[in-house]
Amino acid sequence: MILRKRLLKSRPVQSLLVRLAAIYLHLVYRTTAWVTVQPPSTRDLIAKGAPYIACFWHGRMVTMRAAMPRGATIHILISQHRDGVLISRAAARLGVRTVSGSSRSGGAAALRSMQRLLNDGQCVAVTPDGPRGPRMHAKMGAIKAAQNSGAAILPLSGSVSRRRILGSWDRFCLALPFARGVIFWGEPIHVPAEAGPTELERLRKLLEQRLNALTAEADRHFGQLEIKPAVAGETKKGVRHARP
C-alpha cells in the first residue's frame, strides 16, 4: 500500500497515467455512437450562447465528454485532491479547460473563479456530489454560483450500452469503447438573486431530484440496472466491476 502511494505520487507515473487516461477518454468518445436529448428550453438557451452551469454526477464524468456542445468552451470544476489533479491534466490534453477547487478544498476560491467566468459569459461544469460524496446528493455550490451570477443551471446525465460500474463511492460508470451512448439534458433551473435559505434549499433539492431522474432515464434507455443515491450509513465499499 505504501509503495503504491509512493508510485502514484511520482511524476513519471503520474505523467503516464495522464497520457493513458487521455487516450482512453478519446477512444471512448470517438468510437461511441452518441445521441443527445434536450428539451426546447435548454436547446434554445445553449443556442443563444448564454452562460450556464452544467451539473452532472461525479460517477458520470466519462460520458460527459460527449455532452459538450461543439465550439463551446466549458470550464470544469476539478478537485484539488490528487485524483482531481490527474483528471484535470488528462482533460487538458483533450482541450477541456478546468477550474481547481471543490466544496472541501479551495471551495471559496473555486466559487469566485466560477463567478468571474460566468460574468465573462463563459460556461462552467460542476459535479455537485464531488469530490467525495455522498453519491448523488447535491451540495449547495452550484446553487450559490447561479444565484450570484444569474446564470441558469442545466442538469444532465448519460450512460452507454457497454460499461462497468466500479465499487467506488460514486459507483463510477466506466464507459467501454465501441458502444452506443445517450446524453439527457434537463430543463434550466433559475435561482433568483433575492432567494433566501428556504428557497435555496428547495432549488438544491430540485437539482438533486432532476439529476437522479435523468440518470435513471439514461440507465433505463439501455435496460441497465439503475444506480441509486447513497443511503445513510452506506460505506464506500462495494462490489468492484459489478455488472449492471
Protein backbone atom coordinates (compact mmCIF):
# COMPACT_ATOMS: atom_id res chain seq x y z
CA MET A 1 0.00 0.00 0.00
CA ILE A 2 2.78 2.45 0.95
CA LEU A 3 4.75 1.53 -2.16
CA ARG A 4 1.70 2.05 -4.35
CA LYS A 5 1.07 5.50 -2.85
CA ARG A 6 4.69 6.47 -3.45
CA LEU A 7 4.48 5.32 -7.05
CA LEU A 8 1.29 7.30 -7.62
CA LYS A 9 2.98 10.43 -6.32
CA SER A 10 5.98 10.11 -8.64
CA ARG A 11 5.98 12.44 -11.65
CA PRO A 12 6.80 9.76 -14.26
CA VAL A 13 3.94 7.53 -13.08
CA GLN A 14 1.53 10.46 -12.95
CA SER A 15 2.52 11.55 -16.46
CA LEU A 16 1.96 8.01 -17.73
CA LEU A 17 -1.46 7.80 -16.06
CA VAL A 18 -2.46 11.15 -17.54
CA ARG A 19 -1.48 10.04 -21.06
CA LEU A 20 -3.27 6.71 -20.72
CA ALA A 21 -6.42 8.36 -19.33
CA ALA A 22 -6.49 10.93 -22.13
CA ILE A 23 -6.03 8.23 -24.78
CA TYR A 24 -8.78 6.11 -23.27
CA LEU A 25 -11.24 9.02 -22.97
CA HIS A 26 -10.61 9.95 -26.59
CA LEU A 27 -11.07 6.34 -27.71
CA VAL A 28 -14.41 6.06 -25.90
CA TYR A 29 -15.60 9.37 -27.28
CA ARG A 30 -14.64 8.61 -30.89
CA THR A 31 -15.90 5.01 -31.03
CA THR A 32 -19.27 5.56 -29.35
CA ALA A 33 -22.42 6.47 -31.28
CA TRP A 34 -23.81 9.31 -29.17
CA VAL A 35 -27.39 10.58 -29.07
CA THR A 36 -28.28 13.80 -27.25
CA VAL A 37 -31.79 14.56 -25.97
CA GLN A 38 -32.57 18.16 -24.97
CA PRO A 39 -35.83 19.92 -24.08
CA PRO A 40 -36.54 23.00 -26.26
CA SER A 41 -35.85 25.47 -23.43
CA THR A 42 -32.37 24.02 -22.86
CA ARG A 43 -31.61 23.83 -26.57
CA ASP A 44 -32.62 27.49 -27.01
CA LEU A 45 -30.52 28.65 -24.05
CA ILE A 46 -27.42 26.90 -25.39
CA ALA A 47 -28.05 28.17 -28.94
CA LYS A 48 -28.21 31.77 -27.68
CA GLY A 49 -24.72 31.45 -26.24
CA ALA A 50 -25.87 32.38 -22.73
CA PRO A 51 -23.56 31.31 -19.89
CA TYR A 52 -24.79 28.35 -17.87
CA ILE A 53 -23.73 25.92 -15.14
CA ALA A 54 -23.80 22.31 -16.33
CA CYS A 55 -24.30 19.86 -13.46
CA PHE A 56 -23.72 16.10 -13.60
CA TRP A 57 -22.91 13.42 -11.05
CA HIS A 58 -19.28 12.58 -10.30
CA GLY A 59 -19.78 8.97 -11.40
CA ARG A 60 -20.78 10.02 -14.94
CA MET A 61 -17.70 12.08 -15.78
CA VAL A 62 -16.52 9.80 -18.60
CA THR A 63 -19.78 10.12 -20.52
CA MET A 64 -19.81 13.91 -20.18
CA ARG A 65 -17.01 14.32 -22.74
CA ALA A 66 -19.72 13.81 -25.36
CA ALA A 67 -22.12 16.30 -23.79
CA MET A 68 -20.11 19.43 -24.53
CA PRO A 69 -21.67 21.35 -27.44
CA ARG A 70 -19.32 21.77 -30.40
CA GLY A 71 -17.49 25.06 -30.35
CA ALA A 72 -18.39 25.80 -26.73
CA THR A 73 -15.77 26.48 -24.09
CA ILE A 74 -16.77 24.92 -20.77
CA HIS A 75 -14.61 25.13 -17.66
CA ILE A 76 -14.96 22.05 -15.44
CA LEU A 77 -14.51 22.37 -11.68
CA ILE A 78 -11.90 19.79 -10.63
CA SER A 79 -10.99 18.76 -7.07
CA GLN A 80 -7.57 19.73 -5.69
CA HIS A 81 -7.25 16.13 -4.47
CA ARG A 82 -4.54 14.09 -6.23
CA ASP A 83 -7.12 12.22 -8.34
CA GLY A 84 -8.67 15.53 -9.34
CA VAL A 85 -5.32 16.90 -10.46
CA LEU A 86 -4.75 13.83 -12.67
CA ILE A 87 -8.21 14.19 -14.18
CA SER A 88 -7.56 17.87 -14.77
CA ARG A 89 -4.33 17.15 -16.64
CA ALA A 90 -5.97 14.41 -18.72
CA ALA A 91 -8.86 16.74 -19.57
CA ALA A 92 -6.43 19.46 -20.57
CA ARG A 93 -4.88 17.09 -23.12
CA LEU A 94 -8.32 16.83 -24.71
CA GLY A 95 -8.77 20.60 -24.86
CA VAL A 96 -11.05 20.85 -21.80
CA ARG A 97 -10.44 23.80 -19.52
CA THR A 98 -10.60 23.32 -15.76
CA VAL A 99 -11.09 25.31 -12.56
CA SER A 100 -9.32 23.97 -9.47
CA GLY A 101 -11.21 23.58 -6.22
CA SER A 102 -14.06 21.71 -4.51
CA SER A 103 -16.53 22.04 -1.68
CA ARG A 104 -13.94 20.54 0.68
CA SER A 105 -10.74 22.10 -0.60
CA GLY A 106 -10.45 25.53 -2.14
CA GLY A 107 -14.23 25.86 -2.40
CA ALA A 108 -14.39 29.61 -1.82
CA ALA A 109 -11.66 30.28 -4.39
CA ALA A 110 -13.35 27.97 -6.90
CA LEU A 111 -16.67 29.74 -6.39
CA ARG A 112 -15.03 33.09 -7.08
CA SER A 113 -13.34 31.69 -10.21
CA MET A 114 -16.66 30.32 -11.48
CA GLN A 115 -18.30 33.66 -10.76
CA ARG A 116 -15.72 35.51 -12.88
CA LEU A 117 -16.08 33.04 -15.76
CA LEU A 118 -19.87 33.26 -15.73
CA ASN A 119 -19.77 37.06 -15.56
CA ASP A 120 -17.49 36.98 -18.62
CA GLY A 121 -20.07 34.94 -20.50
CA GLN A 122 -18.27 31.59 -20.13
CA CYS A 123 -19.88 28.27 -19.14
CA VAL A 124 -18.83 26.07 -16.23
CA ALA A 125 -19.48 22.45 -15.27
CA VAL A 126 -19.79 21.09 -11.73
CA THR A 127 -20.19 17.68 -10.09
CA PRO A 128 -22.43 18.67 -7.15
CA ASP A 129 -21.78 15.42 -5.25
CA GLY A 130 -17.98 15.61 -5.62
CA PRO A 131 -15.27 15.08 -4.74
CA ARG A 132 -16.15 12.53 -2.02
CA GLY A 133 -19.92 12.29 -1.86
CA PRO A 134 -22.30 11.21 -0.62
CA ARG A 135 -23.16 9.79 -4.03
CA MET A 136 -25.91 11.55 -5.98
CA HIS A 137 -26.66 14.09 -3.23
CA ALA A 138 -26.23 17.68 -4.39
CA LYS A 139 -24.27 20.24 -2.41
CA MET A 140 -25.10 23.95 -2.46
CA GLY A 141 -22.15 25.24 -4.55
CA ALA A 142 -23.85 25.29 -7.95
CA ILE A 143 -26.96 26.92 -6.47
CA LYS A 144 -24.91 29.74 -4.94
CA ALA A 145 -22.94 30.24 -8.16
CA ALA A 146 -26.20 30.53 -10.11
CA GLN A 147 -27.64 32.97 -7.57
CA ASN A 148 -24.56 35.21 -7.65
CA SER A 149 -24.15 35.20 -11.44
CA GLY A 150 -27.69 34.96 -12.74
CA ALA A 151 -26.67 32.02 -14.95
CA ALA A 152 -29.05 29.10 -15.34
CA ILE A 153 -28.24 25.60 -14.09
CA LEU A 154 -28.55 22.82 -16.68
CA PRO A 155 -28.72 19.31 -15.18
CA LEU A 156 -27.62 16.43 -17.40
CA SER A 157 -26.61 12.79 -17.22
CA GLY A 158 -25.71 9.95 -19.53
CA SER A 159 -24.97 6.29 -19.96
CA VAL A 160 -23.58 3.85 -22.51
CA SER A 161 -24.61 0.41 -23.73
CA ARG A 162 -21.23 -1.10 -22.74
CA ARG A 163 -19.91 -0.17 -19.32
CA ARG A 164 -18.56 -1.31 -15.97
CA ILE A 165 -19.81 0.09 -12.67
CA LEU A 166 -16.92 0.30 -10.22
CA GLY A 167 -17.20 -0.20 -6.48
CA SER A 168 -16.03 3.34 -5.69
CA TRP A 169 -18.07 5.74 -3.55
CA ASP A 170 -19.63 7.29 -6.68
CA ARG A 171 -20.24 3.93 -8.43
CA PHE A 172 -18.14 5.26 -11.28
CA CYS A 173 -19.55 4.47 -14.72
CA LEU A 174 -16.56 3.32 -16.77
CA ALA A 175 -17.65 3.61 -20.38
CA LEU A 176 -16.24 0.99 -22.75
CA PRO A 177 -15.32 1.68 -26.39
CA PHE A 178 -17.43 0.72 -29.42
CA ALA A 179 -20.78 1.30 -27.76
CA ARG A 180 -23.92 3.40 -28.03
CA GLY A 181 -24.27 6.37 -25.72
CA VAL A 182 -27.03 8.75 -24.68
CA ILE A 183 -26.95 12.16 -23.00
CA PHE A 184 -30.12 13.51 -21.38
CA TRP A 185 -30.38 17.22 -20.53
CA GLY A 186 -32.97 18.64 -18.15
CA GLU A 187 -34.90 21.91 -18.04
CA PRO A 188 -32.99 25.00 -16.89
CA ILE A 189 -33.10 25.87 -13.21
CA HIS A 190 -33.05 29.60 -12.42
CA VAL A 191 -32.01 30.85 -8.97
CA PRO A 192 -33.34 34.32 -8.05
CA ALA A 193 -30.76 36.75 -6.68
CA GLU A 194 -33.06 37.53 -3.74
CA ALA A 195 -33.70 33.87 -2.81
CA GLY A 196 -33.48 33.15 0.90
CA PRO A 197 -32.26 29.97 2.67
CA THR A 198 -35.60 28.15 2.32
CA GLU A 199 -35.85 28.81 -1.41
CA LEU A 200 -32.18 27.94 -1.97
CA GLU A 201 -32.69 24.60 -0.22
CA ARG A 202 -35.77 23.91 -2.33
CA LEU A 203 -33.79 24.56 -5.51
CA ARG A 204 -30.92 22.39 -4.28
CA LYS A 205 -33.37 19.52 -3.78
CA LEU A 206 -34.87 20.22 -7.21
CA LEU A 207 -31.42 19.96 -8.82
CA GLU A 208 -30.77 16.70 -6.98
CA GLN A 209 -34.15 15.25 -8.00
CA ARG A 210 -33.71 16.18 -11.66
CA LEU A 211 -30.19 14.78 -11.82
CA ASN A 212 -31.33 11.49 -10.29
CA ALA A 213 -34.31 11.31 -12.67
CA LEU A 214 -32.07 11.96 -15.70
CA THR A 215 -29.55 9.36 -14.54
CA ALA A 216 -32.29 6.77 -14.06
CA GLU A 217 -33.67 7.59 -17.51
CA ALA A 218 -30.23 7.17 -19.08
CA ASP A 219 -29.77 3.79 -17.39
CA ARG A 220 -33.22 2.60 -18.44
CA HIS A 221 -32.50 3.64 -22.02
CA PHE A 222 -30.17 0.64 -22.36
CA GLY A 223 -32.10 -1.62 -20.00
CA GLN A 224 -29.45 -1.33 -17.31
CA LEU A 225 -29.70 -1.56 -13.55
CA GLU A 226 -30.26 1.93 -12.14
CA ILE A 227 -27.58 3.34 -9.87
CA LYS A 228 -29.21 4.63 -6.68
CA PRO A 229 -28.16 7.54 -4.43
CA ALA A 230 -26.16 6.69 -1.33
CA VAL A 231 -28.22 5.93 1.75
CA ALA A 232 -27.47 6.83 5.36
CA GLY A 233 -24.70 4.68 6.80
CA GLU A 234 -23.54 3.36 3.43
CA THR A 235 -19.82 2.67 3.21
CA LYS A 236 -17.59 3.33 0.23
CA LYS A 237 -17.04 -0.39 -0.24
CA GLY A 238 -18.89 -2.24 -2.95
CA VAL A 239 -18.56 -4.99 -5.48
CA ARG A 240 -15.81 -3.83 -7.78
CA HIS A 241 -16.52 -4.08 -11.50
CA ALA A 242 -20.12 -5.03 -10.77
CA ARG A 243 -22.04 -5.62 -13.97
CA PRO A 244 -25.35 -3.72 -14.26
